[in-house]
Amino acid sequence: MKKIFFSLALTAVSMLAIHGTALGQDYPQKGKPINMIVPFAPGGASDILARLISQKFSEEWGAPVVVQNKPGGDMVIALQSVARADKDGYTIGLTTGSFALNKVVKKDFPVNPVTDLASIGMIGQSPYIMLVHADSPVNSFKELEAVTSDDNNHLNYASCCFGTYFAAEMIKTVTQLNGTHVPYKGSAPALNAMLSNEVDYIIDTTTAAKPFISSGKLKPLMVTSRKRSASLPDVPHLTEAGVPGDFDIGVWYGLVFPAGTPADIVTKANTSLNAVLAMPDVKARIESLDIEVTPSTAETMSARVVSDLQMYADAMKKANLQFGN
């Protein structure tokens, strides 16, 4: 499977390289609108990132970059809109690493992130975080592990999405952590369940959880990366918390074109994106969302997609995760 994923990635990159360059020579044209498609509703981190970057692109390119929110179908509606658009650089998609996860867990997911989309570059990333209620007697992951591994205790945990469910189950495969999974449709209901003690622990995004940490309502046990979060420097990472292995899981954001967009257009967009991410006001705004700015080449983002596909496929098989489709 790994060889297949890498072969597909190399094929996609080759297609970009040999595609005609006529469109790219004049890209972007002054005044010609560019659509930026976001697979989530307004107000969330993805939407904020899209509007921040689109504004800077508009200023640099002299062309309006219009954000269009197309939520639904676990990103399908937005990603299909991007994949089916003209390959001329005037349709950009903002995506998260979940598009690789969706492809693995949903057998009928109609968009292939390797063959249907062309990476432009990454924007940033942040780990997930494990939390308990502030009133819980548990103060560390090891303490939680000990409590849940006791057969006399029947604890459950909340997840907001496939990604946080995966994080919890990957941790469970290498530790004695236990707990019955209770899925919720988004961070808000999952965190509300945690606050009302409907569940015993939760894994969510640092962006969603930080206000409840700051207000003293939830207690963080660890972040799901192998280094500490800059915005939560006192919270242990996986290794410090006692979770073995080398996996590192969280959420990341990036931009994509339809597959087959000329390579010189991809290069121009990547150069502009990295220039925007280097702007102090942009960097500060992104970091205020608890997202670490991680500029990259298009090739680096493509490799990350392939790596994620393999990681999720392996984890799904190892943990015997079931998604019902």
C-alpha atoms as a PDB file:
ATOM      1  CA  MET A   1       0.000   0.000   0.000  1.00  0.00           C
ATOM      2  CA  LYS A   2       2.819   2.373   0.867  1.00  0.00           C
ATOM      3  CA  LYS A   3       4.410   1.917  -2.568  1.00  0.00           C
ATOM      4  CA  ILE A   4       1.049   2.616  -4.215  1.00  0.00           C
ATOM      5  CA  PHE A   5       0.579   5.869  -2.301  1.00  0.00           C
ATOM      6  CA  PHE A   6       4.080   7.097  -3.186  1.00  0.00           C
ATOM      7  CA  SER A   7       3.668   6.047  -6.818  1.00  0.00           C
ATOM      8  CA  LEU A   8       0.450   8.026  -7.067  1.00  0.00           C
ATOM      9  CA  ALA A   9       2.120  11.060  -5.509  1.00  0.00           C
ATOM     10  CA  LEU A  10       5.041  10.925  -7.927  1.00  0.00           C
ATOM     11  CA  THR A  11       2.669  10.536 -10.868  1.00  0.00           C
ATOM     12  CA  ALA A  12       0.691  13.575  -9.758  1.00  0.00           C
ATOM     13  CA  VAL A  13       3.847  15.681  -9.398  1.00  0.00           C
ATOM     14  CA  SER A  14       5.060  14.553 -12.826  1.00  0.00           C
ATOM     15  CA  MET A  15       1.755  15.547 -14.395  1.00  0.00           C
ATOM     16  CA  LEU A  16       2.177  19.019 -12.945  1.00  0.00           C
ATOM     17  CA  ALA A  17       5.712  19.316 -14.247  1.00  0.00           C
ATOM     18  CA  ILE A  18       4.853  18.456 -17.864  1.00  0.00           C
ATOM     19  CA  HIS A  19       1.653  20.464 -18.032  1.00  0.00           C
ATOM     20  CA  GLY A  20       1.670  23.503 -20.299  1.00  0.00           C
ATOM     21  CA  THR A  21       3.083  26.734 -18.908  1.00  0.00           C
ATOM     22  CA  ALA A  22       1.114  29.230 -20.967  1.00  0.00           C
ATOM     23  CA  LEU A  23      -1.402  29.872 -18.185  1.00  0.00           C
ATOM     24  CA  GLY A  24       1.291  30.342 -15.604  1.00  0.00           C
ATOM     25  CA  GLN A  25       3.176  33.091 -17.419  1.00  0.00           C
ATOM     26  CA  ASP A  26       0.474  35.669 -16.717  1.00  0.00           C
ATOM     27  CA  TYR A  27      -0.810  34.275 -13.425  1.00  0.00           C
ATOM     28  CA  PRO A  28      -2.502  35.820 -11.605  1.00  0.00           C
ATOM     29  CA  GLN A  29      -4.168  38.327 -13.911  1.00  0.00           C
ATOM     30  CA  LYS A  30      -4.879  41.709 -12.376  1.00  0.00           C
ATOM     31  CA  GLY A  31      -8.512  42.036 -11.397  1.00  0.00           C
ATOM     32  CA  LYS A  32      -9.520  38.460 -12.223  1.00  0.00           C
ATOM     33  CA  PRO A  33     -11.343  36.929  -9.226  1.00  0.00           C
ATOM     34  CA  ILE A  34      -9.914  33.887  -7.485  1.00  0.00           C
ATOM     35  CA  ASN A  35     -12.149  31.639  -5.388  1.00  0.00           C
ATOM     36  CA  MET A  36     -10.883  30.145  -2.140  1.00  0.00           C
ATOM     37  CA  ILE A  37     -13.088  27.226  -1.089  1.00  0.00           C
ATOM     38  CA  VAL A  38     -13.350  26.331   2.618  1.00  0.00           C
ATOM     39  CA  PRO A  39     -14.915  22.996   3.647  1.00  0.00           C
ATOM     40  CA  PHE A  40     -16.276  24.320   6.940  1.00  0.00           C
ATOM     41  CA  ALA A  41     -18.798  26.900   8.115  1.00  0.00           C
ATOM     42  CA  PRO A  42     -17.746  30.489   8.885  1.00  0.00           C
ATOM     43  CA  GLY A  43     -16.163  31.243  12.238  1.00  0.00           C
ATOM     44  CA  GLY A  44     -13.829  28.305  12.763  1.00  0.00           C
ATOM     45  CA  ALA A  45     -10.062  28.186  12.487  1.00  0.00           C
ATOM     46  CA  SER A  46     -10.124  27.126   8.808  1.00  0.00           C
ATOM     47  CA  ASP A  47     -12.410  30.011   7.900  1.00  0.00           C
ATOM     48  CA  ILE A  48     -10.288  32.512   9.824  1.00  0.00           C
ATOM     49  CA  LEU A  49      -7.129  31.283   8.086  1.00  0.00           C
ATOM     50  CA  ALA A  50      -8.776  31.466   4.672  1.00  0.00           C
ATOM     51  CA  ARG A  51      -9.962  35.041   5.163  1.00  0.00           C
ATOM     52  CA  LEU A  52      -6.612  36.157   6.543  1.00  0.00           C
ATOM     53  CA  ILE A  53      -4.627  34.645   3.667  1.00  0.00           C
ATOM     54  CA  SER A  54      -7.128  35.645   0.975  1.00  0.00           C
ATOM     55  CA  GLN A  55      -6.897  39.276   2.072  1.00  0.00           C
ATOM     56  CA  LYS A  56      -3.103  39.224   1.785  1.00  0.00           C
ATOM     57  CA  PHE A  57      -3.256  37.438  -1.579  1.00  0.00           C
ATOM     58  CA  SER A  58      -5.676  40.079  -2.861  1.00  0.00           C
ATOM     59  CA  GLU A  59      -3.297  42.848  -1.828  1.00  0.00           C
ATOM     60  CA  GLU A  60      -0.246  41.154  -3.346  1.00  0.00           C
ATOM     61  CA  TRP A  61      -1.842  39.936  -6.555  1.00  0.00           C
ATOM     62  CA  GLY A  62      -4.117  42.876  -7.314  1.00  0.00           C
ATOM     63  CA  ALA A  63      -6.985  40.439  -7.801  1.00  0.00           C
ATOM     64  CA  PRO A  64      -9.920  39.763  -5.477  1.00  0.00           C
ATOM     65  CA  VAL A  65      -9.660  36.442  -3.640  1.00  0.00           C
ATOM     66  CA  VAL A  66     -13.175  35.516  -2.562  1.00  0.00           C
ATOM     67  CA  VAL A  67     -13.761  33.036   0.269  1.00  0.00           C
ATOM     68  CA  GLN A  68     -16.598  30.567  -0.284  1.00  0.00           C
ATOM     69  CA  ASN A  69     -17.710  28.339   2.588  1.00  0.00           C
ATOM     70  CA  LYS A  70     -18.965  24.956   1.409  1.00  0.00           C
ATOM     71  CA  PRO A  71     -19.409  22.781   4.506  1.00  0.00           C
ATOM     72  CA  GLY A  72     -20.858  19.292   4.500  1.00  0.00           C
ATOM     73  CA  GLY A  73     -20.163  15.688   3.659  1.00  0.00           C
ATOM     74  CA  ASP A  74     -16.966  15.507   5.723  1.00  0.00           C
ATOM     75  CA  MET A  75     -15.300  18.007   3.361  1.00  0.00           C
ATOM     76  CA  VAL A  76     -16.612  16.275   0.211  1.00  0.00           C
ATOM     77  CA  ILE A  77     -18.664  19.189  -1.110  1.00  0.00           C
ATOM     78  CA  ALA A  78     -15.780  21.648  -0.957  1.00  0.00           C
ATOM     79  CA  LEU A  79     -13.059  19.282  -2.139  1.00  0.00           C
ATOM     80  CA  GLN A  80     -15.114  18.083  -5.101  1.00  0.00           C
ATOM     81  CA  SER A  81     -15.721  21.711  -6.025  1.00  0.00           C
ATOM     82  CA  VAL A  82     -11.964  22.290  -6.083  1.00  0.00           C
ATOM     83  CA  ALA A  83     -11.097  19.025  -7.837  1.00  0.00           C
ATOM     84  CA  ARG A  84     -13.605  19.671 -10.641  1.00  0.00           C
ATOM     85  CA  ALA A  85     -12.614  23.304 -11.204  1.00  0.00           C
ATOM     86  CA  ASP A  86     -10.593  24.568 -14.159  1.00  0.00           C
ATOM     87  CA  LYS A  87      -6.884  23.888 -13.782  1.00  0.00           C
ATOM     88  CA  ASP A  88      -5.945  27.525 -14.204  1.00  0.00           C
ATOM     89  CA  GLY A  89      -5.133  28.607 -10.654  1.00  0.00           C
ATOM     90  CA  TYR A  90      -8.344  30.537 -10.066  1.00  0.00           C
ATOM     91  CA  THR A  91      -9.825  28.017  -7.646  1.00  0.00           C
ATOM     92  CA  ILE A  92      -7.923  27.330  -4.426  1.00  0.00           C
ATOM     93  CA  GLY A  93      -9.002  25.031  -1.619  1.00  0.00           C
ATOM     94  CA  LEU A  94      -8.115  25.371   2.031  1.00  0.00           C
ATOM     95  CA  THR A  95      -7.959  21.935   3.569  1.00  0.00           C
ATOM     96  CA  THR A  96      -6.912  20.169   6.716  1.00  0.00           C
ATOM     97  CA  GLY A  97      -5.044  16.917   7.137  1.00  0.00           C
ATOM     98  CA  SER A  98      -8.434  15.281   7.719  1.00  0.00           C
ATOM     99  CA  PHE A  99      -8.893  14.892   3.972  1.00  0.00           C
ATOM    100  CA  ALA A 100      -6.363  12.048   4.099  1.00  0.00           C
ATOM    101  CA  LEU A 101      -8.099  10.550   7.111  1.00  0.00           C
ATOM    102  CA  ASN A 102     -11.508  10.757   5.432  1.00  0.00           C
ATOM    103  CA  LYS A 103     -10.166   8.884   2.418  1.00  0.00           C
ATOM    104  CA  VAL A 104      -8.972   6.038   4.635  1.00  0.00           C
ATOM    105  CA  VAL A 105     -12.026   5.668   6.874  1.00  0.00           C
ATOM    106  CA  LYS A 106     -14.786   6.294   4.330  1.00  0.00           C
ATOM    107  CA  LYS A 107     -14.850   3.660   1.605  1.00  0.00           C
ATOM    108  CA  ASP A 108     -17.061   5.803  -0.614  1.00  0.00           C
ATOM    109  CA  PHE A 109     -15.136   9.070  -0.126  1.00  0.00           C
ATOM    110  CA  PRO A 110     -15.080  10.374  -3.723  1.00  0.00           C
ATOM    111  CA  VAL A 111     -12.016  12.637  -3.576  1.00  0.00           C
ATOM    112  CA  ASN A 112      -8.485  11.239  -3.658  1.00  0.00           C
ATOM    113  CA  PRO A 113      -6.151  13.778  -2.011  1.00  0.00           C
ATOM    114  CA  VAL A 114      -3.194  12.476  -4.054  1.00  0.00           C
ATOM    115  CA  THR A 115      -4.622  12.185  -7.569  1.00  0.00           C
ATOM    116  CA  ASP A 116      -7.459  14.754  -7.499  1.00  0.00           C
ATOM    117  CA  LEU A 117      -5.718  17.652  -5.752  1.00  0.00           C
ATOM    118  CA  ALA A 118      -2.358  19.404  -6.111  1.00  0.00           C
ATOM    119  CA  SER A 119      -0.640  20.629  -2.954  1.00  0.00           C
ATOM    120  CA  ILE A 120       0.351  24.307  -2.814  1.00  0.00           C
ATOM    121  CA  GLY A 121       1.872  24.392   0.648  1.00  0.00           C
ATOM    122  CA  MET A 122       1.185  24.039   4.339  1.00  0.00           C
ATOM    123  CA  ILE A 123      -0.022  26.852   6.567  1.00  0.00           C
ATOM    124  CA  GLY A 124       0.322  25.538  10.088  1.00  0.00           C
ATOM    125  CA  GLN A 125      -0.358  22.737  12.523  1.00  0.00           C
ATOM    126  CA  SER A 126      -1.316  22.088  16.122  1.00  0.00           C
ATOM    127  CA  PRO A 127      -1.552  18.994  18.287  1.00  0.00           C
ATOM    128  CA  TYR A 128      -4.656  17.615  19.913  1.00  0.00           C
ATOM    129  CA  ILE A 129      -4.914  17.727  23.681  1.00  0.00           C
ATOM    130  CA  MET A 130      -6.235  15.297  26.304  1.00  0.00           C
ATOM    131  CA  LEU A 131      -8.274  16.796  29.128  1.00  0.00           C
ATOM    132  CA  VAL A 132     -10.335  15.895  32.168  1.00  0.00           C
ATOM    133  CA  HIS A 133     -12.797  17.957  34.183  1.00  0.00           C
ATOM    134  CA  ALA A 134     -11.205  20.425  36.586  1.00  0.00           C
ATOM    135  CA  ASP A 135     -12.822  18.575  39.495  1.00  0.00           C
ATOM    136  CA  SER A 136     -11.320  15.225  38.484  1.00  0.00           C
ATOM    137  CA  PRO A 137      -8.828  13.716  40.942  1.00  0.00           C
ATOM    138  CA  VAL A 138      -6.704  12.710  37.934  1.00  0.00           C
ATOM    139  CA  ASN A 139      -3.706  15.001  37.401  1.00  0.00           C
ATOM    140  CA  SER A 140      -1.619  13.164  34.785  1.00  0.00           C
ATOM    141  CA  PHE A 141      -1.936  10.744  31.910  1.00  0.00           C
ATOM    142  CA  LYS A 142      -0.384   7.963  33.996  1.00  0.00           C
ATOM    143  CA  GLU A 143      -3.031   8.483  36.662  1.00  0.00           C
ATOM    144  CA  LEU A 144      -5.770   8.366  34.026  1.00  0.00           C
ATOM    145  CA  GLU A 145      -4.236   5.248  32.533  1.00  0.00           C
ATOM    146  CA  ALA A 146      -4.246   3.561  35.960  1.00  0.00           C
ATOM    147  CA  VAL A 147      -7.877   4.481  36.602  1.00  0.00           C
ATOM    148  CA  THR A 148      -9.163   3.316  33.226  1.00  0.00           C
ATOM    149  CA  SER A 149      -7.165   0.079  33.249  1.00  0.00           C
ATOM    150  CA  ASP A 150      -8.939  -1.019  36.438  1.00  0.00           C
ATOM    151  CA  ASP A 151     -11.714  -3.409  35.375  1.00  0.00           C
ATOM    152  CA  ASN A 152     -13.930  -2.038  38.136  1.00  0.00           C
ATOM    153  CA  ASN A 153     -14.029   1.347  36.428  1.00  0.00           C
ATOM    154  CA  HIS A 154     -16.048   1.856  33.273  1.00  0.00           C
ATOM    155  CA  LEU A 155     -15.003   5.218  31.873  1.00  0.00           C
ATOM    156  CA  ASN A 156     -15.819   6.784  28.542  1.00  0.00           C
ATOM    157  CA  TYR A 157     -14.302   9.510  26.430  1.00  0.00           C
ATOM    158  CA  ALA A 158     -15.517  12.077  23.940  1.00  0.00           C
ATOM    159  CA  SER A 159     -14.224  12.845  20.471  1.00  0.00           C
ATOM    160  CA  CYS A 160     -15.223  15.657  18.159  1.00  0.00           C
ATOM    161  CA  CYS A 161     -14.155  14.054  14.894  1.00  0.00           C
ATOM    162  CA  PHE A 162     -12.310  11.204  13.193  1.00  0.00           C
ATOM    163  CA  GLY A 163      -8.936  12.774  14.006  1.00  0.00           C
ATOM    164  CA  THR A 164      -9.412  12.903  17.765  1.00  0.00           C
ATOM    165  CA  TYR A 165     -10.921   9.407  17.763  1.00  0.00           C
ATOM    166  CA  PHE A 166      -7.851   8.165  15.916  1.00  0.00           C
ATOM    167  CA  ALA A 167      -5.552   9.896  18.400  1.00  0.00           C
ATOM    168  CA  ALA A 168      -7.247   8.246  21.365  1.00  0.00           C
ATOM    169  CA  GLU A 169      -7.250   4.790  19.807  1.00  0.00           C
ATOM    170  CA  MET A 170      -3.611   5.042  18.732  1.00  0.00           C
ATOM    171  CA  ILE A 171      -2.690   5.931  22.316  1.00  0.00           C
ATOM    172  CA  LYS A 172      -4.768   3.010  23.596  1.00  0.00           C
ATOM    173  CA  THR A 173      -2.873   0.534  21.376  1.00  0.00           C
ATOM    174  CA  VAL A 174       0.477   1.337  23.044  1.00  0.00           C
ATOM    175  CA  THR A 175      -0.638   1.954  26.636  1.00  0.00           C
ATOM    176  CA  GLN A 176      -3.045   0.524  29.215  1.00  0.00           C
ATOM    177  CA  LEU A 177      -5.500   3.387  28.623  1.00  0.00           C
ATOM    178  CA  ASN A 178      -9.093   2.246  28.328  1.00  0.00           C
ATOM    179  CA  GLY A 179     -12.440   3.921  27.761  1.00  0.00           C
ATOM    180  CA  THR A 180     -15.598   3.621  25.681  1.00  0.00           C
ATOM    181  CA  HIS A 181     -15.740   5.975  22.723  1.00  0.00           C
ATOM    182  CA  VAL A 182     -18.624   8.478  22.625  1.00  0.00           C
ATOM    183  CA  PRO A 183     -18.606  10.442  19.332  1.00  0.00           C
ATOM    184  CA  TYR A 184     -19.902  14.004  19.042  1.00  0.00           C
ATOM    185  CA  LYS A 185     -20.526  16.150  15.978  1.00  0.00           C
ATOM    186  CA  GLY A 186     -17.998  18.859  16.654  1.00  0.00           C
ATOM    187  CA  SER A 187     -15.912  20.374  19.420  1.00  0.00           C
ATOM    188  CA  ALA A 188     -18.721  22.388  20.997  1.00  0.00           C
ATOM    189  CA  PRO A 189     -20.986  19.443  21.910  1.00  0.00           C
ATOM    190  CA  ALA A 190     -18.009  17.278  22.868  1.00  0.00           C
ATOM    191  CA  LEU A 191     -16.620  19.909  25.229  1.00  0.00           C
ATOM    192  CA  ASN A 192     -20.078  20.590  26.672  1.00  0.00           C
ATOM    193  CA  ALA A 193     -20.361  16.872  27.436  1.00  0.00           C
ATOM    194  CA  MET A 194     -17.016  17.051  29.207  1.00  0.00           C
ATOM    195  CA  LEU A 195     -18.043  20.116  31.194  1.00  0.00           C
ATOM    196  CA  SER A 196     -21.277  18.441  32.310  1.00  0.00           C
ATOM    197  CA  ASN A 197     -19.439  15.232  33.304  1.00  0.00           C
ATOM    198  CA  GLU A 198     -21.230  13.110  30.697  1.00  0.00           C
ATOM    199  CA  VAL A 199     -17.807  11.720  29.785  1.00  0.00           C
ATOM    200  CA  ASP A 200     -14.649  11.154  31.794  1.00  0.00           C
ATOM    201  CA  TYR A 201     -11.995  12.469  29.438  1.00  0.00           C
ATOM    202  CA  ILE A 202     -11.705  14.022  26.012  1.00  0.00           C
ATOM    203  CA  ILE A 203      -9.265  14.633  23.183  1.00  0.00           C
ATOM    204  CA  ASP A 204      -9.894  17.809  21.197  1.00  0.00           C
ATOM    205  CA  THR A 205      -8.006  20.570  19.429  1.00  0.00           C
ATOM    206  CA  THR A 206      -5.942  23.012  21.445  1.00  0.00           C
ATOM    207  CA  THR A 207      -7.762  25.848  19.665  1.00  0.00           C
ATOM    208  CA  ALA A 208     -11.150  24.707  20.955  1.00  0.00           C
ATOM    209  CA  ALA A 209      -9.965  23.625  24.389  1.00  0.00           C
ATOM    210  CA  LYS A 210      -7.728  26.502  25.433  1.00  0.00           C
ATOM    211  CA  PRO A 211     -10.510  28.871  26.613  1.00  0.00           C
ATOM    212  CA  PHE A 212     -11.735  26.181  29.018  1.00  0.00           C
ATOM    213  CA  ILE A 213      -8.205  25.583  30.252  1.00  0.00           C
ATOM    214  CA  SER A 214      -7.669  29.308  30.790  1.00  0.00           C
ATOM    215  CA  SER A 215     -10.959  29.599  32.696  1.00  0.00           C
ATOM    216  CA  GLY A 216     -10.026  26.655  34.933  1.00  0.00           C
ATOM    217  CA  LYS A 217     -12.949  24.476  33.825  1.00  0.00           C
ATOM    218  CA  LEU A 218     -10.858  21.729  32.218  1.00  0.00           C
ATOM    219  CA  LYS A 219      -7.526  20.232  33.197  1.00  0.00           C
ATOM    220  CA  PRO A 220      -4.976  19.342  30.461  1.00  0.00           C
ATOM    221  CA  LEU A 221      -3.043  16.080  30.781  1.00  0.00           C
ATOM    222  CA  MET A 222      -0.940  16.069  27.595  1.00  0.00           C
ATOM    223  CA  VAL A 223      -0.720  17.189  23.995  1.00  0.00           C
ATOM    224  CA  THR A 224      -0.591  14.546  21.265  1.00  0.00           C
ATOM    225  CA  SER A 225       2.730  15.610  19.763  1.00  0.00           C
ATOM    226  CA  ARG A 226       6.353  14.757  20.596  1.00  0.00           C
ATOM    227  CA  LYS A 227       7.137  18.316  21.604  1.00  0.00           C
ATOM    228  CA  ARG A 228       5.388  20.819  23.819  1.00  0.00           C
ATOM    229  CA  SER A 229       2.925  23.311  22.397  1.00  0.00           C
ATOM    230  CA  ALA A 230       4.224  26.878  22.338  1.00  0.00           C
ATOM    231  CA  SER A 231       0.823  28.143  23.471  1.00  0.00           C
ATOM    232  CA  LEU A 232       0.583  25.619  26.321  1.00  0.00           C
ATOM    233  CA  PRO A 233       4.220  25.262  27.415  1.00  0.00           C
ATOM    234  CA  ASP A 234       3.400  23.683  30.787  1.00  0.00           C
ATOM    235  CA  VAL A 235       1.489  20.734  29.302  1.00  0.00           C
ATOM    236  CA  PRO A 236       3.552  17.535  28.788  1.00  0.00           C
ATOM    237  CA  HIS A 237       3.890  15.971  25.343  1.00  0.00           C
ATOM    238  CA  LEU A 238       3.362  12.286  24.537  1.00  0.00           C
ATOM    239  CA  THR A 239       6.852  11.117  25.446  1.00  0.00           C
ATOM    240  CA  GLU A 240       6.942  13.093  28.700  1.00  0.00           C
ATOM    241  CA  ALA A 241       3.517  11.751  29.624  1.00  0.00           C
ATOM    242  CA  GLY A 242       4.712   8.179  29.191  1.00  0.00           C
ATOM    243  CA  VAL A 243       3.245   7.240  25.795  1.00  0.00           C
ATOM    244  CA  PRO A 244       5.753   5.120  23.834  1.00  0.00           C
ATOM    245  CA  GLY A 245       6.272   5.196  20.078  1.00  0.00           C
ATOM    246  CA  ASP A 246       7.112   7.874  17.568  1.00  0.00           C
ATOM    247  CA  PHE A 247       3.679   8.802  16.210  1.00  0.00           C
ATOM    248  CA  ASP A 248       2.710  12.443  16.363  1.00  0.00           C
ATOM    249  CA  ILE A 249      -0.878  13.360  15.597  1.00  0.00           C
ATOM    250  CA  GLY A 250      -2.832  16.581  15.340  1.00  0.00           C
ATOM    251  CA  VAL A 251      -4.453  18.892  12.837  1.00  0.00           C
ATOM    252  CA  TRP A 252      -2.711  20.740  10.024  1.00  0.00           C
ATOM    253  CA  TYR A 253      -3.858  23.197   7.372  1.00  0.00           C
ATOM    254  CA  GLY A 254      -2.784  23.764   3.777  1.00  0.00           C
ATOM    255  CA  LEU A 255      -3.821  25.044   0.354  1.00  0.00           C
ATOM    256  CA  VAL A 256      -4.559  22.980  -2.746  1.00  0.00           C
ATOM    257  CA  PHE A 257      -5.325  23.401  -6.439  1.00  0.00           C
ATOM    258  CA  PRO A 258      -7.108  20.955  -8.736  1.00  0.00           C
ATOM    259  CA  ALA A 259      -4.705  18.220  -9.853  1.00  0.00           C
ATOM    260  CA  GLY A 260      -3.116  19.093 -13.183  1.00  0.00           C
ATOM    261  CA  THR A 261      -2.691  22.802 -12.426  1.00  0.00           C
ATOM    262  CA  PRO A 262       0.526  23.903 -14.206  1.00  0.00           C
ATOM    263  CA  ALA A 263       3.658  23.619 -12.099  1.00  0.00           C
ATOM    264  CA  ASP A 264       4.631  27.272 -12.523  1.00  0.00           C
ATOM    265  CA  ILE A 265       1.247  28.370 -11.145  1.00  0.00           C
ATOM    266  CA  VAL A 266       1.751  26.079  -8.156  1.00  0.00           C
ATOM    267  CA  THR A 267       5.214  27.565  -7.624  1.00  0.00           C
ATOM    268  CA  LYS A 268       3.916  31.139  -7.783  1.00  0.00           C
ATOM    269  CA  ALA A 269       1.138  30.392  -5.328  1.00  0.00           C
ATOM    270  CA  ASN A 270       3.547  28.619  -2.976  1.00  0.00           C
ATOM    271  CA  THR A 271       5.962  31.567  -3.071  1.00  0.00           C
ATOM    272  CA  SER A 272       3.132  33.981  -2.288  1.00  0.00           C
ATOM    273  CA  LEU A 273       1.795  31.796   0.515  1.00  0.00           C
ATOM    274  CA  ASN A 274       5.172  31.540   2.218  1.00  0.00           C
ATOM    275  CA  ALA A 275       5.690  35.291   1.880  1.00  0.00           C
ATOM    276  CA  VAL A 276       2.316  35.899   3.541  1.00  0.00           C
ATOM    277  CA  LEU A 277       3.091  33.462   6.364  1.00  0.00           C
ATOM    278  CA  ALA A 278       6.326  35.364   7.047  1.00  0.00           C
ATOM    279  CA  MET A 279       4.444  38.622   7.661  1.00  0.00           C
ATOM    280  CA  PRO A 280       4.573  39.463  11.409  1.00  0.00           C
ATOM    281  CA  ASP A 281       0.866  40.366  11.641  1.00  0.00           C
ATOM    282  CA  VAL A 282      -0.167  37.174   9.875  1.00  0.00           C
ATOM    283  CA  LYS A 283       2.121  34.997  11.979  1.00  0.00           C
ATOM    284  CA  ALA A 284       0.830  36.594  15.171  1.00  0.00           C
ATOM    285  CA  ARG A 285      -2.815  36.108  14.178  1.00  0.00           C
ATOM    286  CA  ILE A 286      -2.291  32.448  13.287  1.00  0.00           C
ATOM    287  CA  GLU A 287      -0.405  31.776  16.505  1.00  0.00           C
ATOM    288  CA  SER A 288      -3.255  33.393  18.450  1.00  0.00           C
ATOM    289  CA  LEU A 289      -5.355  30.454  17.211  1.00  0.00           C
ATOM    290  CA  ASP A 290      -2.870  28.053  18.839  1.00  0.00           C
ATOM    291  CA  ILE A 291      -1.577  27.066  15.413  1.00  0.00           C
ATOM    292  CA  GLU A 292       2.171  26.861  14.742  1.00  0.00           C
ATOM    293  CA  VAL A 293       3.069  28.421  11.380  1.00  0.00           C
ATOM    294  CA  THR A 294       4.770  25.782   9.213  1.00  0.00           C
ATOM    295  CA  PRO A 295       5.523  27.065   5.685  1.00  0.00           C
ATOM    296  CA  SER A 296       6.615  24.403   3.224  1.00  0.00           C
ATOM    297  CA  THR A 297       7.183  23.554  -0.401  1.00  0.00           C
ATOM    298  CA  ALA A 298       4.424  21.947  -2.429  1.00  0.00           C
ATOM    299  CA  GLU A 299       6.463  18.748  -2.494  1.00  0.00           C
ATOM    300  CA  THR A 300       6.734  18.674   1.305  1.00  0.00           C
ATOM    301  CA  MET A 301       2.972  18.986   1.686  1.00  0.00           C
ATOM    302  CA  SER A 302       2.414  16.243  -0.914  1.00  0.00           C
ATOM    303  CA  ALA A 303       4.755  13.955   1.006  1.00  0.00           C
ATOM    304  CA  ARG A 304       2.858  14.729   4.230  1.00  0.00           C
ATOM    305  CA  VAL A 305      -0.413  13.699   2.593  1.00  0.00           C
ATOM    306  CA  VAL A 306       1.074  10.393   1.480  1.00  0.00           C
ATOM    307  CA  SER A 307       2.586   9.808   4.903  1.00  0.00           C
ATOM    308  CA  ASP A 308      -0.737  10.538   6.608  1.00  0.00           C
ATOM    309  CA  LEU A 309      -2.595   8.124   4.341  1.00  0.00           C
ATOM    310  CA  GLN A 310      -0.186   5.380   5.332  1.00  0.00           C
ATOM    311  CA  MET A 311      -0.260   6.275   9.039  1.00  0.00           C
ATOM    312  CA  TYR A 312      -4.047   6.266   9.190  1.00  0.00           C
ATOM    313  CA  ALA A 313      -4.339   3.039   7.202  1.00  0.00           C
ATOM    314  CA  ASP A 314      -1.852   1.312   9.502  1.00  0.00           C
ATOM    315  CA  ALA A 315      -3.532   2.662  12.640  1.00  0.00           C
ATOM    316  CA  MET A 316      -6.976   1.637  11.461  1.00  0.00           C
ATOM    317  CA  LYS A 317      -5.778  -1.909  10.868  1.00  0.00           C
ATOM    318  CA  LYS A 318      -3.771  -2.146  14.094  1.00  0.00           C
ATOM    319  CA  ALA A 319      -6.493  -0.769  16.354  1.00  0.00           C
ATOM    320  CA  ASN A 320      -9.310  -2.424  14.382  1.00  0.00           C
ATOM    321  CA  LEU A 321     -11.186   0.879  14.219  1.00  0.00           C
ATOM    322  CA  GLN A 322     -14.742   0.722  12.928  1.00  0.00           C
ATOM    323  CA  PHE A 323     -16.541   3.589  11.236  1.00  0.00           C
ATOM    324  CA  GLY A 324     -19.637   1.897   9.886  1.00  0.00           C
ATOM    325  CA  ASN A 325     -19.159   2.543   6.163  1.00  0.00           C
END
